[in-house]
Amino acid sequence: MTRIKPIEKEEASDEVRAIYEDIEAAFGMVPNLFKTYAHFPALLRVNWEKTKTLMMGGEIPRELKESIAVVVSAANVCNYCVAAHSMALMMMGFPKEKIDTLTKNIERSELSQRDQKILQYAKKATLTPHKITDRETEELKSAGLTDSQLVEMLGVMELFTGYNKFLDALAVEIDFPEA
């Protein structure tokens, strides 16, 4: 049971309602994540802008960013984000089995070696960032990842690690079909 009641559109201030409209235009709905952030409108606005910047912009393909979201969220055991971003991947044509492989054994996924390394790096940055080696970073660069893309990838990891902790601390109810 959620610890804070999400703010529904009809209960929201004009400022929050305007942000909700932008979120709804992007997703077709306002996820409970953002309805919960609405208790602090400035944080809702900043997090929505960061989500748009990272997930809908940048150089890394959206499918890979959604995969990062799933891998990071699975590592953090955040069922909300695993469900939400698994659904996003399925809408992009990823079969459920491929998504399950991402959460259990990246090396067995059908992704390219480069993308597998990116996901492994994001997972390690989530769980044990102090154990990332210069060699691992150089391997990503040798595989063609630019400094900008490395920062973008870690930005996605950081976004979801933060969302994972927020959602789980407040026991926010999943409002996506679980894959």
N, C-alpha and C. Protein backbone atom coordinates (compact mmCIF):
# COMPACT_ATOMS: atom_id res chain seq x y z
N MET A 1 0.84 -1.19 0.00
CA MET A 1 0.00 0.00 0.00
C MET A 1 0.89 1.24 0.00
N THR A 2 0.56 2.15 -0.88
CA THR A 2 1.37 3.36 -1.01
C THR A 2 1.36 4.18 0.28
N ARG A 3 2.47 4.81 0.55
CA ARG A 3 2.62 5.58 1.79
C ARG A 3 2.19 7.03 1.65
N ILE A 4 2.12 7.52 0.39
CA ILE A 4 1.66 8.87 0.11
C ILE A 4 0.66 8.77 -1.04
N LYS A 5 -0.47 9.36 -0.89
CA LYS A 5 -1.50 9.30 -1.94
C LYS A 5 -1.04 10.14 -3.14
N PRO A 6 -1.02 9.54 -4.32
CA PRO A 6 -0.69 10.32 -5.52
C PRO A 6 -1.73 11.42 -5.75
N ILE A 7 -1.28 12.53 -6.29
CA ILE A 7 -2.19 13.64 -6.57
C ILE A 7 -2.78 13.46 -7.97
N GLU A 8 -4.07 13.27 -8.02
CA GLU A 8 -4.77 13.10 -9.29
C GLU A 8 -4.91 14.46 -9.99
N LYS A 9 -5.14 14.41 -11.29
CA LYS A 9 -5.21 15.63 -12.09
C LYS A 9 -6.24 16.62 -11.57
N GLU A 10 -7.41 16.11 -11.20
CA GLU A 10 -8.48 17.00 -10.73
C GLU A 10 -8.17 17.64 -9.38
N GLU A 11 -7.22 17.08 -8.63
CA GLU A 11 -6.82 17.63 -7.33
C GLU A 11 -5.60 18.52 -7.43
N ALA A 12 -4.96 18.55 -8.60
CA ALA A 12 -3.67 19.22 -8.77
C ALA A 12 -3.82 20.73 -8.95
N SER A 13 -2.77 21.43 -8.56
CA SER A 13 -2.71 22.88 -8.80
C SER A 13 -2.56 23.12 -10.30
N ASP A 14 -2.76 24.35 -10.71
CA ASP A 14 -2.60 24.70 -12.13
C ASP A 14 -1.19 24.39 -12.60
N GLU A 15 -0.20 24.68 -11.77
CA GLU A 15 1.20 24.42 -12.13
C GLU A 15 1.42 22.92 -12.38
N VAL A 16 0.93 22.10 -11.48
CA VAL A 16 1.09 20.65 -11.61
C VAL A 16 0.28 20.13 -12.79
N ARG A 17 -0.92 20.64 -12.98
CA ARG A 17 -1.76 20.21 -14.10
C ARG A 17 -1.06 20.46 -15.44
N ALA A 18 -0.37 21.57 -15.56
CA ALA A 18 0.35 21.88 -16.80
C ALA A 18 1.46 20.85 -17.06
N ILE A 19 2.15 20.45 -16.01
CA ILE A 19 3.19 19.43 -16.14
C ILE A 19 2.54 18.09 -16.49
N TYR A 20 1.44 17.77 -15.85
CA TYR A 20 0.71 16.53 -16.15
C TYR A 20 0.33 16.47 -17.63
N GLU A 21 -0.10 17.58 -18.18
CA GLU A 21 -0.50 17.60 -19.60
C GLU A 21 0.68 17.24 -20.49
N ASP A 22 1.85 17.74 -20.15
CA ASP A 22 3.06 17.41 -20.92
C ASP A 22 3.41 15.93 -20.78
N ILE A 23 3.30 15.41 -19.57
CA ILE A 23 3.58 13.99 -19.32
C ILE A 23 2.58 13.12 -20.07
N GLU A 24 1.31 13.50 -19.98
CA GLU A 24 0.27 12.73 -20.65
C GLU A 24 0.46 12.73 -22.16
N ALA A 25 0.92 13.85 -22.72
CA ALA A 25 1.16 13.92 -24.16
C ALA A 25 2.27 12.95 -24.56
N ALA A 26 3.23 12.74 -23.68
CA ALA A 26 4.35 11.83 -23.98
C ALA A 26 3.99 10.37 -23.75
N PHE A 27 3.23 10.06 -22.69
CA PHE A 27 2.98 8.68 -22.29
C PHE A 27 1.53 8.22 -22.46
N GLY A 28 0.62 9.14 -22.71
CA GLY A 28 -0.79 8.77 -22.79
C GLY A 28 -1.44 8.63 -21.43
N MET A 29 -0.69 8.91 -20.39
CA MET A 29 -1.16 8.81 -19.00
C MET A 29 -0.16 9.55 -18.12
N VAL A 30 -0.51 9.76 -16.88
CA VAL A 30 0.43 10.31 -15.90
C VAL A 30 0.73 9.19 -14.91
N PRO A 31 1.95 8.63 -14.96
CA PRO A 31 2.30 7.55 -14.04
C PRO A 31 2.27 7.99 -12.57
N ASN A 32 1.99 7.04 -11.70
CA ASN A 32 1.96 7.32 -10.26
C ASN A 32 3.28 7.90 -9.75
N LEU A 33 4.39 7.57 -10.40
CA LEU A 33 5.68 8.17 -10.04
C LEU A 33 5.55 9.69 -10.01
N PHE A 34 5.06 10.25 -11.11
CA PHE A 34 4.96 11.71 -11.22
C PHE A 34 3.83 12.27 -10.36
N LYS A 35 2.75 11.51 -10.21
CA LYS A 35 1.66 11.95 -9.33
C LYS A 35 2.12 12.04 -7.88
N THR A 36 3.10 11.24 -7.52
CA THR A 36 3.64 11.29 -6.16
C THR A 36 4.61 12.46 -6.02
N TYR A 37 5.44 12.66 -7.03
CA TYR A 37 6.33 13.83 -7.02
C TYR A 37 5.55 15.14 -6.97
N ALA A 38 4.30 15.13 -7.38
CA ALA A 38 3.49 16.35 -7.44
C ALA A 38 3.29 17.01 -6.07
N HIS A 39 3.56 16.27 -5.00
CA HIS A 39 3.50 16.88 -3.66
C HIS A 39 4.56 17.97 -3.51
N PHE A 40 5.57 17.93 -4.34
CA PHE A 40 6.65 18.93 -4.34
C PHE A 40 6.81 19.38 -5.80
N PRO A 41 5.97 20.33 -6.27
CA PRO A 41 5.91 20.67 -7.68
C PRO A 41 7.25 21.02 -8.33
N ALA A 42 8.13 21.69 -7.62
CA ALA A 42 9.43 22.04 -8.22
C ALA A 42 10.22 20.77 -8.54
N LEU A 43 10.16 19.77 -7.68
CA LEU A 43 10.86 18.51 -7.92
C LEU A 43 10.19 17.73 -9.05
N LEU A 44 8.88 17.76 -9.11
CA LEU A 44 8.16 17.15 -10.23
C LEU A 44 8.65 17.75 -11.55
N ARG A 45 8.70 19.07 -11.63
CA ARG A 45 9.12 19.75 -12.86
C ARG A 45 10.54 19.36 -13.26
N VAL A 46 11.46 19.40 -12.31
CA VAL A 46 12.86 19.09 -12.60
C VAL A 46 13.01 17.63 -13.04
N ASN A 47 12.35 16.72 -12.34
CA ASN A 47 12.45 15.31 -12.69
C ASN A 47 11.81 15.02 -14.05
N TRP A 48 10.71 15.68 -14.36
CA TRP A 48 10.09 15.48 -15.66
C TRP A 48 11.01 16.01 -16.77
N GLU A 49 11.60 17.17 -16.56
CA GLU A 49 12.53 17.72 -17.56
C GLU A 49 13.74 16.81 -17.74
N LYS A 50 14.24 16.27 -16.64
CA LYS A 50 15.39 15.36 -16.72
C LYS A 50 15.00 14.07 -17.45
N THR A 51 13.81 13.57 -17.17
CA THR A 51 13.33 12.36 -17.86
C THR A 51 13.23 12.62 -19.36
N LYS A 52 12.63 13.74 -19.74
CA LYS A 52 12.51 14.06 -21.17
C LYS A 52 13.88 14.19 -21.82
N THR A 53 14.79 14.89 -21.16
CA THR A 53 16.13 15.11 -21.71
C THR A 53 16.84 13.78 -21.92
N LEU A 54 16.82 12.93 -20.91
CA LEU A 54 17.56 11.67 -20.99
C LEU A 54 16.87 10.62 -21.84
N MET A 55 15.58 10.45 -21.68
CA MET A 55 14.90 9.32 -22.34
C MET A 55 14.40 9.65 -23.74
N MET A 56 14.16 10.90 -24.02
CA MET A 56 13.60 11.27 -25.33
C MET A 56 14.56 12.07 -26.17
N GLY A 57 15.72 12.35 -25.64
CA GLY A 57 16.73 13.10 -26.38
C GLY A 57 18.06 12.36 -26.34
N GLY A 58 19.10 13.05 -26.67
CA GLY A 58 20.44 12.46 -26.59
C GLY A 58 20.80 11.63 -27.81
N GLU A 59 21.94 10.96 -27.70
CA GLU A 59 22.50 10.20 -28.80
C GLU A 59 22.24 8.70 -28.72
N ILE A 60 22.05 8.20 -27.53
CA ILE A 60 21.85 6.76 -27.35
C ILE A 60 20.43 6.40 -27.76
N PRO A 61 20.24 5.33 -28.54
CA PRO A 61 18.90 4.94 -28.96
C PRO A 61 17.97 4.67 -27.78
N ARG A 62 16.72 5.03 -27.94
CA ARG A 62 15.71 4.89 -26.89
C ARG A 62 15.61 3.45 -26.39
N GLU A 63 15.70 2.47 -27.30
CA GLU A 63 15.60 1.07 -26.91
C GLU A 63 16.71 0.69 -25.92
N LEU A 64 17.91 1.21 -26.16
CA LEU A 64 19.02 0.91 -25.26
C LEU A 64 18.81 1.60 -23.92
N LYS A 65 18.28 2.81 -23.93
CA LYS A 65 18.01 3.51 -22.67
C LYS A 65 16.92 2.80 -21.87
N GLU A 66 15.89 2.31 -22.55
CA GLU A 66 14.85 1.54 -21.86
C GLU A 66 15.45 0.25 -21.28
N SER A 67 16.38 -0.35 -22.02
CA SER A 67 17.06 -1.56 -21.52
C SER A 67 17.89 -1.23 -20.29
N ILE A 68 18.57 -0.09 -20.30
CA ILE A 68 19.33 0.35 -19.12
C ILE A 68 18.37 0.52 -17.94
N ALA A 69 17.23 1.15 -18.19
CA ALA A 69 16.23 1.35 -17.12
C ALA A 69 15.80 0.02 -16.52
N VAL A 70 15.57 -0.98 -17.36
CA VAL A 70 15.14 -2.30 -16.88
C VAL A 70 16.26 -2.97 -16.09
N VAL A 71 17.47 -2.96 -16.63
CA VAL A 71 18.61 -3.63 -15.96
C VAL A 71 18.91 -2.98 -14.61
N VAL A 72 18.96 -1.65 -14.59
CA VAL A 72 19.24 -0.93 -13.35
C VAL A 72 18.13 -1.17 -12.33
N SER A 73 16.88 -1.11 -12.78
CA SER A 73 15.75 -1.30 -11.88
C SER A 73 15.68 -2.72 -11.35
N ALA A 74 16.03 -3.70 -12.18
CA ALA A 74 16.08 -5.08 -11.71
C ALA A 74 17.19 -5.24 -10.68
N ALA A 75 18.34 -4.61 -10.92
CA ALA A 75 19.45 -4.68 -9.96
C ALA A 75 19.05 -4.07 -8.62
N ASN A 76 18.24 -3.01 -8.68
CA ASN A 76 17.77 -2.35 -7.46
C ASN A 76 16.48 -2.97 -6.91
N VAL A 77 15.98 -3.99 -7.58
CA VAL A 77 14.76 -4.70 -7.20
C VAL A 77 13.57 -3.73 -7.10
N CYS A 78 13.43 -2.89 -8.11
CA CYS A 78 12.30 -1.96 -8.16
C CYS A 78 11.28 -2.49 -9.16
N ASN A 79 10.26 -3.16 -8.64
CA ASN A 79 9.24 -3.77 -9.49
C ASN A 79 8.48 -2.75 -10.32
N TYR A 80 8.27 -1.54 -9.78
CA TYR A 80 7.56 -0.49 -10.51
C TYR A 80 8.28 -0.17 -11.81
N CYS A 81 9.56 0.15 -11.74
CA CYS A 81 10.29 0.55 -12.95
C CYS A 81 10.54 -0.62 -13.88
N VAL A 82 10.74 -1.81 -13.33
CA VAL A 82 10.89 -2.98 -14.20
C VAL A 82 9.61 -3.16 -15.01
N ALA A 83 8.46 -3.05 -14.36
CA ALA A 83 7.17 -3.20 -15.07
C ALA A 83 6.99 -2.10 -16.11
N ALA A 84 7.25 -0.86 -15.72
CA ALA A 84 7.03 0.27 -16.64
C ALA A 84 7.93 0.19 -17.87
N HIS A 85 9.19 -0.11 -17.66
CA HIS A 85 10.13 -0.06 -18.78
C HIS A 85 10.17 -1.38 -19.56
N SER A 86 9.73 -2.46 -18.94
CA SER A 86 9.50 -3.69 -19.70
C SER A 86 8.35 -3.47 -20.67
N MET A 87 7.30 -2.81 -20.19
CA MET A 87 6.16 -2.50 -21.05
C MET A 87 6.60 -1.61 -22.21
N ALA A 88 7.44 -0.62 -21.92
CA ALA A 88 7.93 0.27 -22.98
C ALA A 88 8.72 -0.53 -24.02
N LEU A 89 9.57 -1.44 -23.57
CA LEU A 89 10.33 -2.27 -24.50
C LEU A 89 9.41 -3.18 -25.32
N MET A 90 8.40 -3.74 -24.69
CA MET A 90 7.47 -4.60 -25.43
C MET A 90 6.72 -3.78 -26.49
N MET A 91 6.39 -2.53 -26.17
CA MET A 91 5.74 -1.67 -27.15
C MET A 91 6.68 -1.36 -28.32
N MET A 92 7.99 -1.47 -28.09
CA MET A 92 8.98 -1.26 -29.14
C MET A 92 9.29 -2.55 -29.90
N GLY A 93 8.61 -3.63 -29.51
CA GLY A 93 8.78 -4.89 -30.22
C GLY A 93 9.67 -5.92 -29.56
N PHE A 94 10.14 -5.65 -28.34
CA PHE A 94 10.96 -6.62 -27.61
C PHE A 94 10.06 -7.71 -27.05
N PRO A 95 10.35 -8.98 -27.31
CA PRO A 95 9.56 -10.04 -26.67
C PRO A 95 9.89 -10.15 -25.18
N LYS A 96 8.92 -10.61 -24.42
CA LYS A 96 9.08 -10.75 -22.98
C LYS A 96 10.31 -11.58 -22.62
N GLU A 97 10.57 -12.64 -23.37
CA GLU A 97 11.73 -13.50 -23.09
C GLU A 97 13.04 -12.73 -23.20
N LYS A 98 13.13 -11.84 -24.16
CA LYS A 98 14.35 -11.03 -24.34
C LYS A 98 14.54 -10.09 -23.15
N ILE A 99 13.45 -9.55 -22.66
CA ILE A 99 13.50 -8.65 -21.50
C ILE A 99 13.89 -9.44 -20.26
N ASP A 100 13.31 -10.61 -20.08
CA ASP A 100 13.65 -11.46 -18.93
C ASP A 100 15.14 -11.80 -18.94
N THR A 101 15.70 -12.05 -20.12
CA THR A 101 17.13 -12.35 -20.22
C THR A 101 17.96 -11.16 -19.78
N LEU A 102 17.52 -9.95 -20.11
CA LEU A 102 18.24 -8.75 -19.69
C LEU A 102 18.33 -8.66 -18.17
N THR A 103 17.26 -9.04 -17.50
CA THR A 103 17.23 -8.90 -16.04
C THR A 103 17.96 -10.03 -15.33
N LYS A 104 18.16 -11.15 -16.02
CA LYS A 104 18.76 -12.32 -15.37
C LYS A 104 20.20 -12.59 -15.81
N ASN A 105 20.49 -12.38 -17.10
CA ASN A 105 21.82 -12.72 -17.61
C ASN A 105 22.09 -11.94 -18.89
N ILE A 106 22.63 -10.76 -18.75
CA ILE A 106 22.88 -9.87 -19.88
C ILE A 106 23.69 -10.57 -20.97
N GLU A 107 24.67 -11.38 -20.56
CA GLU A 107 25.57 -12.03 -21.52
C GLU A 107 24.82 -12.99 -22.45
N ARG A 108 23.67 -13.45 -22.04
CA ARG A 108 22.89 -14.37 -22.88
C ARG A 108 21.86 -13.65 -23.74
N SER A 109 21.83 -12.33 -23.64
CA SER A 109 20.87 -11.58 -24.44
C SER A 109 21.30 -11.57 -25.90
N GLU A 110 20.38 -11.24 -26.76
CA GLU A 110 20.66 -11.19 -28.19
C GLU A 110 21.23 -9.84 -28.60
N LEU A 111 21.55 -8.99 -27.66
CA LEU A 111 22.10 -7.67 -27.97
C LEU A 111 23.54 -7.79 -28.45
N SER A 112 24.00 -6.76 -29.12
CA SER A 112 25.38 -6.72 -29.57
C SER A 112 26.33 -6.74 -28.37
N GLN A 113 27.57 -7.13 -28.60
CA GLN A 113 28.59 -7.13 -27.54
C GLN A 113 28.70 -5.73 -26.93
N ARG A 114 28.68 -4.71 -27.79
CA ARG A 114 28.79 -3.32 -27.33
C ARG A 114 27.65 -3.00 -26.37
N ASP A 115 26.41 -3.30 -26.76
CA ASP A 115 25.26 -2.99 -25.91
C ASP A 115 25.28 -3.81 -24.63
N GLN A 116 25.73 -5.05 -24.70
CA GLN A 116 25.86 -5.86 -23.49
C GLN A 116 26.86 -5.21 -22.53
N LYS A 117 27.98 -4.73 -23.06
CA LYS A 117 28.98 -4.06 -22.21
C LYS A 117 28.41 -2.79 -21.58
N ILE A 118 27.61 -2.06 -22.35
CA ILE A 118 26.98 -0.85 -21.81
C ILE A 118 26.05 -1.21 -20.66
N LEU A 119 25.25 -2.25 -20.85
CA LEU A 119 24.32 -2.66 -19.78
C LEU A 119 25.06 -3.19 -18.56
N GLN A 120 26.12 -3.95 -18.78
CA GLN A 120 26.91 -4.46 -17.65
C GLN A 120 27.55 -3.30 -16.88
N TYR A 121 28.04 -2.31 -17.60
CA TYR A 121 28.66 -1.14 -16.98
C TYR A 121 27.62 -0.38 -16.16
N ALA A 122 26.43 -0.17 -16.75
CA ALA A 122 25.36 0.54 -16.03
C ALA A 122 24.96 -0.21 -14.77
N LYS A 123 24.88 -1.53 -14.86
CA LYS A 123 24.53 -2.35 -13.69
C LYS A 123 25.62 -2.23 -12.61
N LYS A 124 26.87 -2.32 -13.03
CA LYS A 124 27.97 -2.21 -12.06
C LYS A 124 28.00 -0.81 -11.44
N ALA A 125 27.74 0.22 -12.25
CA ALA A 125 27.70 1.58 -11.73
C ALA A 125 26.58 1.75 -10.71
N THR A 126 25.53 0.98 -10.86
CA THR A 126 24.40 1.01 -9.92
C THR A 126 24.76 0.34 -8.60
N LEU A 127 25.39 -0.83 -8.70
CA LEU A 127 25.62 -1.65 -7.51
C LEU A 127 26.95 -1.38 -6.82
N THR A 128 28.01 -1.22 -7.60
CA THR A 128 29.35 -1.05 -7.04
C THR A 128 30.17 -0.07 -7.89
N PRO A 129 29.76 1.20 -7.93
CA PRO A 129 30.44 2.16 -8.81
C PRO A 129 31.93 2.33 -8.50
N HIS A 130 32.30 2.17 -7.25
CA HIS A 130 33.70 2.32 -6.85
C HIS A 130 34.58 1.19 -7.38
N LYS A 131 33.97 0.14 -7.92
CA LYS A 131 34.74 -0.99 -8.45
C LYS A 131 34.90 -0.94 -9.97
N ILE A 132 34.35 0.10 -10.60
CA ILE A 132 34.55 0.25 -12.05
C ILE A 132 36.02 0.60 -12.29
N THR A 133 36.59 -0.08 -13.26
CA THR A 133 38.01 0.12 -13.56
C THR A 133 38.20 1.02 -14.77
N ASP A 134 39.40 1.58 -14.87
CA ASP A 134 39.75 2.36 -16.06
C ASP A 134 39.63 1.48 -17.31
N ARG A 135 40.02 0.23 -17.19
CA ARG A 135 39.96 -0.70 -18.32
C ARG A 135 38.52 -0.87 -18.83
N GLU A 136 37.57 -0.99 -17.91
CA GLU A 136 36.16 -1.14 -18.31
C GLU A 136 35.67 0.10 -19.06
N THR A 137 36.06 1.25 -18.57
CA THR A 137 35.67 2.49 -19.24
C THR A 137 36.33 2.59 -20.61
N GLU A 138 37.58 2.23 -20.70
CA GLU A 138 38.29 2.25 -21.99
C GLU A 138 37.69 1.25 -22.97
N GLU A 139 37.23 0.12 -22.48
CA GLU A 139 36.58 -0.87 -23.36
C GLU A 139 35.33 -0.27 -24.02
N LEU A 140 34.56 0.49 -23.25
CA LEU A 140 33.38 1.13 -23.83
C LEU A 140 33.79 2.17 -24.87
N LYS A 141 34.82 2.93 -24.57
CA LYS A 141 35.29 3.94 -25.53
C LYS A 141 35.84 3.25 -26.79
N SER A 142 36.55 2.16 -26.61
CA SER A 142 37.08 1.40 -27.76
C SER A 142 35.95 0.81 -28.60
N ALA A 143 34.82 0.53 -27.97
CA ALA A 143 33.65 0.00 -28.68
C ALA A 143 32.87 1.11 -29.39
N GLY A 144 33.36 2.35 -29.26
CA GLY A 144 32.76 3.47 -29.98
C GLY A 144 31.92 4.42 -29.15
N LEU A 145 31.84 4.21 -27.83
CA LEU A 145 31.06 5.09 -26.98
C LEU A 145 31.85 6.39 -26.75
N THR A 146 31.25 7.51 -27.06
CA THR A 146 31.91 8.80 -26.86
C THR A 146 31.78 9.21 -25.39
N ASP A 147 32.55 10.20 -25.00
CA ASP A 147 32.44 10.71 -23.63
C ASP A 147 31.01 11.21 -23.36
N SER A 148 30.42 11.87 -24.35
CA SER A 148 29.06 12.37 -24.21
C SER A 148 28.08 11.21 -24.00
N GLN A 149 28.24 10.14 -24.75
CA GLN A 149 27.35 8.98 -24.61
C GLN A 149 27.58 8.27 -23.28
N LEU A 150 28.81 8.24 -22.81
CA LEU A 150 29.11 7.63 -21.52
C LEU A 150 28.40 8.41 -20.41
N VAL A 151 28.45 9.73 -20.49
CA VAL A 151 27.75 10.56 -19.49
C VAL A 151 26.24 10.37 -19.62
N GLU A 152 25.73 10.31 -20.84
CA GLU A 152 24.29 10.10 -21.06
C GLU A 152 23.85 8.76 -20.47
N MET A 153 24.63 7.71 -20.74
CA MET A 153 24.30 6.37 -20.23
C MET A 153 24.29 6.38 -18.70
N LEU A 154 25.28 7.01 -18.09
CA LEU A 154 25.30 7.06 -16.63
C LEU A 154 24.20 7.97 -16.09
N GLY A 155 23.80 8.97 -16.88
CA GLY A 155 22.66 9.80 -16.49
C GLY A 155 21.38 8.99 -16.42
N VAL A 156 21.19 8.09 -17.38
CA VAL A 156 20.02 7.20 -17.37
C VAL A 156 20.09 6.29 -16.14
N MET A 157 21.28 5.73 -15.89
CA MET A 157 21.46 4.87 -14.71
C MET A 157 21.12 5.65 -13.44
N GLU A 158 21.64 6.85 -13.34
CA GLU A 158 21.41 7.67 -12.14
C GLU A 158 19.93 8.03 -11.99
N LEU A 159 19.28 8.38 -13.08
CA LEU A 159 17.86 8.72 -13.05
C LEU A 159 17.04 7.57 -12.47
N PHE A 160 17.31 6.37 -12.98
CA PHE A 160 16.50 5.24 -12.53
C PHE A 160 16.89 4.74 -11.15
N THR A 161 18.13 4.84 -10.79
CA THR A 161 18.50 4.48 -9.42
C THR A 161 17.76 5.40 -8.45
N GLY A 162 17.71 6.69 -8.76
CA GLY A 162 16.97 7.63 -7.92
C GLY A 162 15.48 7.32 -7.89
N TYR A 163 14.89 7.09 -9.07
CA TYR A 163 13.48 6.75 -9.13
C TYR A 163 13.20 5.46 -8.36
N ASN A 164 14.08 4.46 -8.52
CA ASN A 164 13.89 3.18 -7.82
C ASN A 164 13.80 3.39 -6.32
N LYS A 165 14.71 4.16 -5.77
CA LYS A 165 14.75 4.37 -4.32
C LYS A 165 13.51 5.14 -3.85
N PHE A 166 13.14 6.17 -4.62
CA PHE A 166 11.96 6.99 -4.29
C PHE A 166 10.70 6.13 -4.30
N LEU A 167 10.49 5.38 -5.37
CA LEU A 167 9.29 4.55 -5.52
C LEU A 167 9.19 3.49 -4.44
N ASP A 168 10.31 2.84 -4.16
CA ASP A 168 10.28 1.77 -3.15
C ASP A 168 10.13 2.31 -1.74
N ALA A 169 10.76 3.45 -1.44
CA ALA A 169 10.62 4.03 -0.09
C ALA A 169 9.18 4.41 0.20
N LEU A 170 8.46 4.86 -0.83
CA LEU A 170 7.08 5.29 -0.63
C LEU A 170 6.07 4.22 -1.04
N ALA A 171 6.56 3.05 -1.45
CA ALA A 171 5.69 1.94 -1.86
C ALA A 171 4.64 2.40 -2.88
N VAL A 172 5.10 3.14 -3.88
CA VAL A 172 4.19 3.67 -4.90
C VAL A 172 3.61 2.50 -5.70
N GLU A 173 2.30 2.54 -5.87
CA GLU A 173 1.58 1.46 -6.54
C GLU A 173 1.90 1.43 -8.04
N ILE A 174 2.16 0.22 -8.53
CA ILE A 174 2.44 0.01 -9.95
C ILE A 174 1.16 0.29 -10.73
N ASP A 175 1.27 1.15 -11.73
CA ASP A 175 0.11 1.47 -12.56
C ASP A 175 0.35 1.12 -14.03
N PHE A 176 1.21 0.11 -14.23
CA PHE A 176 1.50 -0.45 -15.55
C PHE A 176 1.27 -1.94 -15.45
N PRO A 177 0.89 -2.57 -16.57
CA PRO A 177 0.80 -4.03 -16.52
C PRO A 177 2.19 -4.62 -16.26
N GLU A 178 2.29 -5.58 -15.37
CA GLU A 178 3.57 -6.20 -15.10
C GLU A 178 3.86 -7.22 -16.19
N ALA A 179 5.08 -7.13 -16.73
CA ALA A 179 5.47 -8.02 -17.83
C ALA A 179 5.64 -9.44 -17.37
